[in-house]
C-alpha atoms as a PDB file:
ATOM      1  CA  MET A   1     -23.365  -9.557 -18.091  1.00  0.00           C
ATOM      2  CA  ARG A   2     -25.247  -7.759 -15.318  1.00  0.00           C
ATOM      3  CA  ASN A   3     -28.237  -9.519 -13.768  1.00  0.00           C
ATOM      4  CA  PRO A   4     -30.240  -6.833 -11.917  1.00  0.00           C
ATOM      5  CA  GLY A   5     -33.001  -7.688  -9.475  1.00  0.00           C
ATOM      6  CA  LYS A   6     -33.771  -8.545  -5.874  1.00  0.00           C
ATOM      7  CA  ASN A   7     -32.351 -11.353  -3.743  1.00  0.00           C
ATOM      8  CA  ILE A   8     -29.983 -12.648  -6.415  1.00  0.00           C
ATOM      9  CA  LYS A   9     -27.602 -15.409  -5.421  1.00  0.00           C
ATOM     10  CA  ILE A  10     -24.076 -15.651  -6.748  1.00  0.00           C
ATOM     11  CA  THR A  11     -20.983 -17.642  -5.845  1.00  0.00           C
ATOM     12  CA  SER A  12     -18.205 -15.367  -4.657  1.00  0.00           C
ATOM     13  CA  ASN A  13     -15.136 -16.078  -2.490  1.00  0.00           C
ATOM     14  CA  ASN A  14     -16.256 -19.722  -2.227  1.00  0.00           C
ATOM     15  CA  ILE A  15     -19.647 -18.955  -0.669  1.00  0.00           C
ATOM     16  CA  THR A  16     -23.106 -18.049  -1.927  1.00  0.00           C
ATOM     17  CA  ILE A  17     -23.832 -14.341  -1.508  1.00  0.00           C
ATOM     18  CA  SER A  18     -27.336 -12.897  -1.687  1.00  0.00           C
ATOM     19  CA  TYR A  19     -27.628  -9.370  -3.039  1.00  0.00           C
ATOM     20  CA  THR A  20     -29.998  -6.877  -4.628  1.00  0.00           C
ATOM     21  CA  ASP A  21     -28.847  -4.832  -7.637  1.00  0.00           C
ATOM     22  CA  GLU A  22     -31.015  -2.000  -8.976  1.00  0.00           C
ATOM     23  CA  GLY A  23     -30.681   1.174 -11.034  1.00  0.00           C
ATOM     24  CA  PRO A  24     -29.292   2.173 -14.448  1.00  0.00           C
ATOM     25  CA  ASP A  25     -26.389   0.229 -15.941  1.00  0.00           C
ATOM     26  CA  ASN A  26     -23.987   3.132 -16.409  1.00  0.00           C
ATOM     27  CA  ALA A  27     -24.855   5.102 -13.273  1.00  0.00           C
ATOM     28  CA  PRO A  28     -22.409   5.646 -10.376  1.00  0.00           C
ATOM     29  CA  VAL A  29     -22.396   2.611  -8.074  1.00  0.00           C
ATOM     30  CA  ILE A  30     -23.179   2.620  -4.349  1.00  0.00           C
ATOM     31  CA  ILE A  31     -22.769  -0.539  -2.270  1.00  0.00           C
ATOM     32  CA  PHE A  32     -24.620  -0.613   1.056  1.00  0.00           C
ATOM     33  CA  ILE A  33     -23.239  -2.762   3.893  1.00  0.00           C
ATOM     34  CA  HIS A  34     -25.576  -3.558   6.778  1.00  0.00           C
ATOM     35  CA  GLY A  35     -24.849  -3.734  10.494  1.00  0.00           C
ATOM     36  CA  PHE A  36     -24.898  -6.674  12.914  1.00  0.00           C
ATOM     37  CA  PRO A  37     -26.909  -8.842  13.136  1.00  0.00           C
ATOM     38  CA  PHE A  38     -29.071  -7.547  10.318  1.00  0.00           C
ATOM     39  CA  SER A  39     -29.417  -8.067   6.568  1.00  0.00           C
ATOM     40  CA  LYS A  40     -29.574  -6.131   3.316  1.00  0.00           C
ATOM     41  CA  GLU A  41     -33.277  -5.461   3.935  1.00  0.00           C
ATOM     42  CA  MET A  42     -32.288  -2.675   6.331  1.00  0.00           C
ATOM     43  CA  TRP A  43     -31.398  -0.617   3.217  1.00  0.00           C
ATOM     44  CA  ASP A  44     -34.721  -1.051   1.381  1.00  0.00           C
ATOM     45  CA  ASN A  45     -35.700   2.598   1.829  1.00  0.00           C
ATOM     46  CA  GLN A  46     -32.345   3.848   0.530  1.00  0.00           C
ATOM     47  CA  MET A  47     -32.395   1.434  -2.404  1.00  0.00           C
ATOM     48  CA  GLU A  48     -35.804   2.756  -3.441  1.00  0.00           C
ATOM     49  CA  ALA A  49     -34.787   6.389  -2.923  1.00  0.00           C
ATOM     50  CA  PHE A  50     -31.582   6.186  -4.969  1.00  0.00           C
ATOM     51  CA  ASN A  51     -32.206   3.622  -7.708  1.00  0.00           C
ATOM     52  CA  GLU A  52     -33.227   6.205 -10.321  1.00  0.00           C
ATOM     53  CA  ASN A  53     -29.881   7.980 -10.445  1.00  0.00           C
ATOM     54  CA  PHE A  54     -27.498   5.349  -9.075  1.00  0.00           C
ATOM     55  CA  ARG A  55     -26.771   1.690  -9.458  1.00  0.00           C
ATOM     56  CA  VAL A  56     -27.451   0.570  -5.893  1.00  0.00           C
ATOM     57  CA  ILE A  57     -26.344  -2.746  -4.458  1.00  0.00           C
ATOM     58  CA  ALA A  58     -27.083  -4.140  -1.002  1.00  0.00           C
ATOM     59  CA  TYR A  59     -25.781  -7.548  -0.008  1.00  0.00           C
ATOM     60  CA  ASP A  60     -25.994  -9.902   2.929  1.00  0.00           C
ATOM     61  CA  VAL A  61     -22.688 -10.133   4.771  1.00  0.00           C
ATOM     62  CA  ARG A  62     -21.425 -13.700   5.187  1.00  0.00           C
ATOM     63  CA  GLY A  63     -23.619 -15.598   7.677  1.00  0.00           C
ATOM     64  CA  HIS A  64     -26.382 -12.973   7.604  1.00  0.00           C
ATOM     65  CA  GLY A  65     -29.639 -12.842   5.692  1.00  0.00           C
ATOM     66  CA  ASP A  66     -29.528 -15.331   2.822  1.00  0.00           C
ATOM     67  CA  SER A  67     -25.730 -15.480   2.421  1.00  0.00           C
ATOM     68  CA  ASP A  68     -23.838 -18.614   3.382  1.00  0.00           C
ATOM     69  CA  SER A  69     -21.528 -18.581   6.376  1.00  0.00           C
ATOM     70  CA  GLY A  70     -18.846 -20.846   4.913  1.00  0.00           C
ATOM     71  CA  THR A  71     -16.410 -22.726   7.136  1.00  0.00           C
ATOM     72  CA  ASP A  72     -13.842 -20.021   7.974  1.00  0.00           C
ATOM     73  CA  ASP A  73     -13.740 -18.085  11.221  1.00  0.00           C
ATOM     74  CA  PHE A  74     -15.303 -14.679  10.711  1.00  0.00           C
ATOM     75  CA  SER A  75     -13.182 -11.537  10.736  1.00  0.00           C
ATOM     76  CA  ILE A  76     -13.476  -8.009   9.403  1.00  0.00           C
ATOM     77  CA  GLU A  77     -10.632  -8.887   7.027  1.00  0.00           C
ATOM     78  CA  LEU A  78     -12.621 -11.857   5.693  1.00  0.00           C
ATOM     79  CA  PHE A  79     -15.686  -9.657   5.244  1.00  0.00           C
ATOM     80  CA  VAL A  80     -13.515  -7.256   3.221  1.00  0.00           C
ATOM     81  CA  GLU A  81     -12.316 -10.154   1.051  1.00  0.00           C
ATOM     82  CA  ASP A  82     -15.966 -11.050   0.445  1.00  0.00           C
ATOM     83  CA  LEU A  83     -16.767  -7.463  -0.560  1.00  0.00           C
ATOM     84  CA  LEU A  84     -13.876  -7.226  -3.023  1.00  0.00           C
ATOM     85  CA  SER A  85     -14.665 -10.653  -4.429  1.00  0.00           C
ATOM     86  CA  LEU A  86     -18.293  -9.617  -4.954  1.00  0.00           C
ATOM     87  CA  MET A  87     -17.149  -6.430  -6.717  1.00  0.00           C
ATOM     88  CA  ASP A  88     -14.850  -8.449  -8.971  1.00  0.00           C
ATOM     89  CA  THR A  89     -17.559 -10.999  -9.726  1.00  0.00           C
ATOM     90  CA  LEU A  90     -19.957  -8.182 -10.656  1.00  0.00           C
ATOM     91  CA  LYS A  91     -17.153  -6.454 -12.624  1.00  0.00           C
ATOM     92  CA  ILE A  92     -17.336  -3.286 -10.518  1.00  0.00           C
ATOM     93  CA  LYS A  93     -13.978  -1.529 -10.689  1.00  0.00           C
ATOM     94  CA  LYS A  94     -14.907   1.362  -8.401  1.00  0.00           C
ATOM     95  CA  THR A  95     -17.802   2.173  -6.078  1.00  0.00           C
ATOM     96  CA  SER A  96     -18.988   4.360  -3.259  1.00  0.00           C
ATOM     97  CA  LEU A  97     -19.374   2.485   0.033  1.00  0.00           C
ATOM     98  CA  CYS A  98     -22.082   3.145   2.597  1.00  0.00           C
ATOM     99  CA  GLY A  99     -21.685   1.117   5.776  1.00  0.00           C
ATOM    100  CA  LEU A 100     -23.611   1.250   9.036  1.00  0.00           C
ATOM    101  CA  SER A 101     -22.101   0.030  12.325  1.00  0.00           C
ATOM    102  CA  MET A 102     -20.372  -3.269  11.390  1.00  0.00           C
ATOM    103  CA  GLY A 103     -20.757  -2.187   7.772  1.00  0.00           C
ATOM    104  CA  GLY A 104     -18.701   0.875   8.648  1.00  0.00           C
ATOM    105  CA  TYR A 105     -15.965  -1.314  10.137  1.00  0.00           C
ATOM    106  CA  ILE A 106     -15.866  -3.250   6.877  1.00  0.00           C
ATOM    107  CA  ALA A 107     -15.841  -0.057   4.791  1.00  0.00           C
ATOM    108  CA  LEU A 108     -12.976   1.476   6.771  1.00  0.00           C
ATOM    109  CA  LYS A 109     -10.864  -1.664   6.503  1.00  0.00           C
ATOM    110  CA  ALA A 110     -11.704  -2.005   2.797  1.00  0.00           C
ATOM    111  CA  ILE A 111     -10.611   1.522   1.910  1.00  0.00           C
ATOM    112  CA  ASP A 112      -7.449   1.096   3.958  1.00  0.00           C
ATOM    113  CA  ASN A 113      -6.536  -2.128   2.137  1.00  0.00           C
ATOM    114  CA  HIS A 114      -7.830  -1.185  -1.327  1.00  0.00           C
ATOM    115  CA  PRO A 115      -7.996   2.641  -1.553  1.00  0.00           C
ATOM    116  CA  TYR A 116      -8.217   2.788  -5.357  1.00  0.00           C
ATOM    117  CA  ARG A 117     -11.394   0.700  -5.519  1.00  0.00           C
ATOM    118  CA  PHE A 118     -13.560   3.357  -3.860  1.00  0.00           C
ATOM    119  CA  ASP A 119     -14.559   6.900  -4.814  1.00  0.00           C
ATOM    120  CA  ALA A 120     -16.567   7.947  -1.737  1.00  0.00           C
ATOM    121  CA  LEU A 121     -17.274   6.707   1.771  1.00  0.00           C
ATOM    122  CA  ILE A 122     -20.412   7.081   3.879  1.00  0.00           C
ATOM    123  CA  LEU A 123     -19.878   6.038   7.498  1.00  0.00           C
ATOM    124  CA  CYS A 124     -23.102   5.648   9.473  1.00  0.00           C
ATOM    125  CA  ASP A 125     -23.349   5.102  13.234  1.00  0.00           C
ATOM    126  CA  THR A 126     -19.953   3.445  13.366  1.00  0.00           C
ATOM    127  CA  SER A 127     -16.484   3.806  14.855  1.00  0.00           C
ATOM    128  CA  CYS A 128     -12.827   3.454  13.943  1.00  0.00           C
ATOM    129  CA  LYS A 129     -11.933   2.166  17.417  1.00  0.00           C
ATOM    130  CA  ALA A 130     -11.288  -1.420  18.459  1.00  0.00           C
ATOM    131  CA  ASP A 131     -13.310  -2.930  21.292  1.00  0.00           C
ATOM    132  CA  SER A 132     -12.320  -1.785  24.758  1.00  0.00           C
ATOM    133  CA  PRO A 133     -11.623  -4.512  27.358  1.00  0.00           C
ATOM    134  CA  GLU A 134     -15.112  -3.893  28.777  1.00  0.00           C
ATOM    135  CA  ALA A 135     -16.732  -4.187  25.336  1.00  0.00           C
ATOM    136  CA  LYS A 136     -14.874  -7.452  24.731  1.00  0.00           C
ATOM    137  CA  ARG A 137     -16.095  -8.812  28.071  1.00  0.00           C
ATOM    138  CA  ASN A 138     -19.645  -7.844  27.197  1.00  0.00           C
ATOM    139  CA  ARG A 139     -19.400  -9.677  23.885  1.00  0.00           C
ATOM    140  CA  MET A 140     -18.172 -12.804  25.666  1.00  0.00           C
ATOM    141  CA  ILE A 141     -21.076 -12.540  28.116  1.00  0.00           C
ATOM    142  CA  ALA A 142     -23.442 -12.196  25.149  1.00  0.00           C
ATOM    143  CA  ILE A 143     -21.950 -15.306  23.539  1.00  0.00           C
ATOM    144  CA  GLU A 144     -22.467 -17.314  26.732  1.00  0.00           C
ATOM    145  CA  SER A 145     -26.070 -16.132  26.883  1.00  0.00           C
ATOM    146  CA  ILE A 146     -26.726 -16.958  23.223  1.00  0.00           C
ATOM    147  CA  LEU A 147     -25.283 -20.454  23.590  1.00  0.00           C
ATOM    148  CA  LYS A 148     -27.478 -20.995  26.651  1.00  0.00           C
ATOM    149  CA  ASN A 149     -30.661 -19.085  25.783  1.00  0.00           C
ATOM    150  CA  GLY A 150     -30.630 -18.652  22.008  1.00  0.00           C
ATOM    151  CA  VAL A 151     -30.721 -15.570  19.798  1.00  0.00           C
ATOM    152  CA  GLU A 152     -34.143 -14.250  20.863  1.00  0.00           C
ATOM    153  CA  LYS A 153     -33.024 -13.010  24.278  1.00  0.00           C
ATOM    154  CA  PHE A 154     -29.944 -11.428  22.703  1.00  0.00           C
ATOM    155  CA  ALA A 155     -32.192  -9.680  20.178  1.00  0.00           C
ATOM    156  CA  ASP A 156     -34.542  -8.341  22.845  1.00  0.00           C
ATOM    157  CA  ASP A 157     -31.666  -7.114  25.000  1.00  0.00           C
ATOM    158  CA  SER A 158     -29.948  -5.468  22.031  1.00  0.00           C
ATOM    159  CA  LEU A 159     -33.036  -3.698  20.721  1.00  0.00           C
ATOM    160  CA  LYS A 160     -33.140  -1.569  23.880  1.00  0.00           C
ATOM    161  CA  ASN A 161     -29.868   0.058  22.827  1.00  0.00           C
ATOM    162  CA  PHE A 162     -30.439   0.263  19.075  1.00  0.00           C
ATOM    163  CA  PHE A 163     -33.239   2.807  18.933  1.00  0.00           C
ATOM    164  CA  ALA A 164     -33.993   6.328  20.103  1.00  0.00           C
ATOM    165  CA  GLN A 165     -36.601   6.537  22.844  1.00  0.00           C
ATOM    166  CA  GLU A 166     -39.178   8.061  20.501  1.00  0.00           C
ATOM    167  CA  SER A 167     -38.828   5.147  18.080  1.00  0.00           C
ATOM    168  CA  PHE A 168     -40.287   2.720  20.617  1.00  0.00           C
ATOM    169  CA  ILE A 169     -43.549   4.643  20.240  1.00  0.00           C
ATOM    170  CA  ALA A 170     -43.428   5.953  16.665  1.00  0.00           C
ATOM    171  CA  LYS A 171     -41.524   3.139  14.919  1.00  0.00           C
ATOM    172  CA  LYS A 172     -42.953  -0.043  16.429  1.00  0.00           C
ATOM    173  CA  ASP A 173     -43.287  -1.642  12.995  1.00  0.00           C
ATOM    174  CA  VAL A 174     -39.629  -0.942  12.199  1.00  0.00           C
ATOM    175  CA  ILE A 175     -38.520  -2.393  15.540  1.00  0.00           C
ATOM    176  CA  ALA A 176     -40.595  -5.521  14.881  1.00  0.00           C
ATOM    177  CA  GLU A 177     -38.998  -5.925  11.430  1.00  0.00           C
ATOM    178  CA  VAL A 178     -35.495  -5.500  12.848  1.00  0.00           C
ATOM    179  CA  ARG A 179     -36.206  -8.038  15.573  1.00  0.00           C
ATOM    180  CA  GLU A 180     -37.415 -10.558  13.000  1.00  0.00           C
ATOM    181  CA  ILE A 181     -34.204 -10.166  10.988  1.00  0.00           C
ATOM    182  CA  MET A 182     -32.140 -10.618  14.146  1.00  0.00           C
ATOM    183  CA  VAL A 183     -33.867 -13.768  15.385  1.00  0.00           C
ATOM    184  CA  ASN A 184     -33.594 -15.309  11.912  1.00  0.00           C
ATOM    185  CA  THR A 185     -29.805 -15.017  12.053  1.00  0.00           C
ATOM    186  CA  THR A 186     -28.403 -18.365  13.129  1.00  0.00           C
ATOM    187  CA  LYS A 187     -26.891 -18.816  16.578  1.00  0.00           C
ATOM    188  CA  LYS A 188     -23.649 -19.927  14.932  1.00  0.00           C
ATOM    189  CA  SER A 189     -23.373 -16.792  12.783  1.00  0.00           C
ATOM    190  CA  VAL A 190     -24.194 -14.447  15.667  1.00  0.00           C
ATOM    191  CA  VAL A 191     -21.505 -16.037  17.839  1.00  0.00           C
ATOM    192  CA  LYS A 192     -18.910 -16.046  15.044  1.00  0.00           C
ATOM    193  CA  THR A 193     -19.631 -12.395  14.280  1.00  0.00           C
ATOM    194  CA  LEU A 194     -19.413 -11.350  17.914  1.00  0.00           C
ATOM    195  CA  LEU A 195     -15.980 -12.964  18.069  1.00  0.00           C
ATOM    196  CA  ALA A 196     -14.954 -11.162  14.867  1.00  0.00           C
ATOM    197  CA  LEU A 197     -16.106  -7.811  16.227  1.00  0.00           C
ATOM    198  CA  SER A 198     -14.255  -8.356  19.497  1.00  0.00           C
ATOM    199  CA  ARG A 199     -11.032  -9.093  17.628  1.00  0.00           C
ATOM    200  CA  ARG A 200     -11.190  -6.299  15.093  1.00  0.00           C
ATOM    201  CA  LYS A 201      -8.295  -3.868  14.868  1.00  0.00           C
ATOM    202  CA  GLU A 202      -8.615  -0.116  15.136  1.00  0.00           C
ATOM    203  CA  THR A 203      -8.551   1.986  11.966  1.00  0.00           C
ATOM    204  CA  CYS A 204      -8.327   5.383  13.666  1.00  0.00           C
ATOM    205  CA  THR A 205      -4.610   5.736  12.938  1.00  0.00           C
ATOM    206  CA  LYS A 206      -5.343   5.209   9.220  1.00  0.00           C
ATOM    207  CA  LEU A 207      -8.060   7.848   8.848  1.00  0.00           C
ATOM    208  CA  TRP A 208      -5.639  10.552   7.714  1.00  0.00           C
ATOM    209  CA  LYS A 209      -4.831   8.464   4.636  1.00  0.00           C
ATOM    210  CA  ILE A 210      -8.402   8.580   3.291  1.00  0.00           C
ATOM    211  CA  LYS A 211      -8.413  10.790   0.198  1.00  0.00           C
ATOM    212  CA  VAL A 212     -11.946  10.250  -1.117  1.00  0.00           C
ATOM    213  CA  PRO A 213     -14.972  12.343  -0.081  1.00  0.00           C
ATOM    214  CA  VAL A 214     -16.399  11.136   3.246  1.00  0.00           C
ATOM    215  CA  LEU A 215     -19.828  11.677   4.807  1.00  0.00           C
ATOM    216  CA  ILE A 216     -20.319  10.743   8.456  1.00  0.00           C
ATOM    217  CA  LEU A 217     -23.899  10.262   9.664  1.00  0.00           C
ATOM    218  CA  VAL A 218     -24.929   9.520  13.235  1.00  0.00           C
ATOM    219  CA  GLY A 219     -28.173   9.338  15.146  1.00  0.00           C
ATOM    220  CA  GLU A 220     -28.552  12.081  17.731  1.00  0.00           C
ATOM    221  CA  GLU A 221     -29.434   9.469  20.366  1.00  0.00           C
ATOM    222  CA  ASP A 222     -27.021   6.719  19.283  1.00  0.00           C
ATOM    223  CA  LYS A 223     -25.916   4.995  22.499  1.00  0.00           C
ATOM    224  CA  ILE A 224     -23.519   2.543  20.850  1.00  0.00           C
ATOM    225  CA  THR A 225     -21.493   4.885  18.636  1.00  0.00           C
ATOM    226  CA  PRO A 226     -22.571   8.336  19.872  1.00  0.00           C
ATOM    227  CA  PRO A 227     -22.069  11.677  18.088  1.00  0.00           C
ATOM    228  CA  GLU A 228     -18.782  12.195  19.967  1.00  0.00           C
ATOM    229  CA  THR A 229     -17.427   9.091  18.226  1.00  0.00           C
ATOM    230  CA  ALA A 230     -18.518  10.444  14.858  1.00  0.00           C
ATOM    231  CA  GLN A 231     -16.966  13.811  15.698  1.00  0.00           C
ATOM    232  CA  PHE A 232     -13.636  12.096  16.422  1.00  0.00           C
ATOM    233  CA  MET A 233     -13.603  10.556  12.944  1.00  0.00           C
ATOM    234  CA  HIS A 234     -14.782  13.792  11.354  1.00  0.00           C
ATOM    235  CA  LYS A 235     -11.819  15.672  12.804  1.00  0.00           C
ATOM    236  CA  ALA A 236      -9.382  12.971  11.712  1.00  0.00           C
ATOM    237  CA  ILE A 237     -10.592  12.700   8.081  1.00  0.00           C
ATOM    238  CA  ASN A 238      -9.549  15.751   6.102  1.00  0.00           C
ATOM    239  CA  GLY A 239     -12.466  17.398   4.297  1.00  0.00           C
ATOM    240  CA  SER A 240     -15.102  15.058   5.696  1.00  0.00           C
ATOM    241  CA  VAL A 241     -18.704  16.162   6.196  1.00  0.00           C
ATOM    242  CA  MET A 242     -20.663  15.214   9.306  1.00  0.00           C
ATOM    243  CA  SER A 243     -24.394  15.382   9.960  1.00  0.00           C
ATOM    244  CA  ILE A 244     -26.432  14.382  13.012  1.00  0.00           C
ATOM    245  CA  ILE A 245     -29.758  12.656  12.328  1.00  0.00           C
ATOM    246  CA  LYS A 246     -32.545  13.888  14.587  1.00  0.00           C
ATOM    247  CA  ASN A 247     -34.959  11.502  16.311  1.00  0.00           C
ATOM    248  CA  ALA A 248     -32.662   8.545  15.677  1.00  0.00           C
ATOM    249  CA  GLY A 249     -30.452   6.173  17.604  1.00  0.00           C
ATOM    250  CA  HIS A 250     -28.023   3.585  16.245  1.00  0.00           C
ATOM    251  CA  LEU A 251     -30.151   2.672  13.208  1.00  0.00           C
ATOM    252  CA  SER A 252     -30.513   6.184  11.834  1.00  0.00           C
ATOM    253  CA  ASN A 253     -31.344   5.130   8.269  1.00  0.00           C
ATOM    254  CA  LEU A 254     -34.396   3.230   9.562  1.00  0.00           C
ATOM    255  CA  GLU A 255     -35.524   5.660  12.259  1.00  0.00           C
ATOM    256  CA  ASN A 256     -35.375   8.855  10.212  1.00  0.00           C
ATOM    257  CA  PRO A 257     -34.967   7.766   6.579  1.00  0.00           C
ATOM    258  CA  ASP A 258     -36.112  11.093   5.131  1.00  0.00           C
ATOM    259  CA  GLN A 259     -33.402  13.094   6.878  1.00  0.00           C
ATOM    260  CA  PHE A 260     -30.820  10.351   6.321  1.00  0.00           C
ATOM    261  CA  ASN A 261     -31.561  10.277   2.576  1.00  0.00           C
ATOM    262  CA  GLU A 262     -31.576  14.065   2.374  1.00  0.00           C
ATOM    263  CA  HIS A 263     -28.035  14.276   3.755  1.00  0.00           C
ATOM    264  CA  LEU A 264     -26.877  11.403   1.569  1.00  0.00           C
ATOM    265  CA  ILE A 265     -28.231  12.801  -1.706  1.00  0.00           C
ATOM    266  CA  LYS A 266     -26.786  16.258  -0.944  1.00  0.00           C
ATOM    267  CA  PHE A 267     -23.381  14.679  -0.349  1.00  0.00           C
ATOM    268  CA  LEU A 268     -23.551  12.537  -3.468  1.00  0.00           C
ATOM    269  CA  LYS A 269     -24.630  15.449  -5.671  1.00  0.00           C
ATOM    270  CA  ASN A 270     -21.782  17.622  -4.413  1.00  0.00           C
ATOM    271  CA  LYS A 271     -19.088  14.947  -4.531  1.00  0.00           C
ATOM    272  CA  ILE A 272     -19.944  12.507  -7.287  1.00  0.00           C
ATOM    273  CA  ILE A 273     -22.602  13.565  -9.783  1.00  0.00           C
END
């Protein structure tokens, strides 16, 4: 039996997962997967905007927010196992997936491994590419810094690249909330996730196999996964739709939620409802 509400805890894949589940029982399902090192709270605006017409679920990825980290080494493949286990535990046979950044990596790997469990894909500020040698080196440098200086310095350094320039003036409250989520992520989980991200495999060569409707959203000023990266995926995924979010960087759903939601609801109405 379904147990809707906020910050519910459930045992799935041998760990405790924290999730929020809202919306009508028989509505189409959307699962939102957050980026690194954030939590399900980054989707609060979307959950509120879509919970009248959809069953919306946002969960904390292993080691983030209020979900346990378990004892296994982190990997994108393990995160996918967690997602499928959560779906099975909640008796969700099929869902749309909306993933931002790391959440997009998880979504792409999930649809590659389990294509019949998903009916639409929304890829936000993400990439199909594996880390370049330089990116891997930077992650190792970040790990050394975190082990020496803690998560706060890593958070402050990262925030500079997450947001559009305008957001540092107009979205100070959002930046403060994101920083708080980041610094509340344990040092151990941040390090384990950085290692997982550095080791992830590319999914670019699998994009042609995606048969479900796909929406690609990217912040106009995203420095981490810029519009050119989104354009690459758009060209590779047959029939995909791509939209650029104005006045937004890497966290486009937080920086310009109105435009983000507008593109998302248009896509969902055309493809699902």
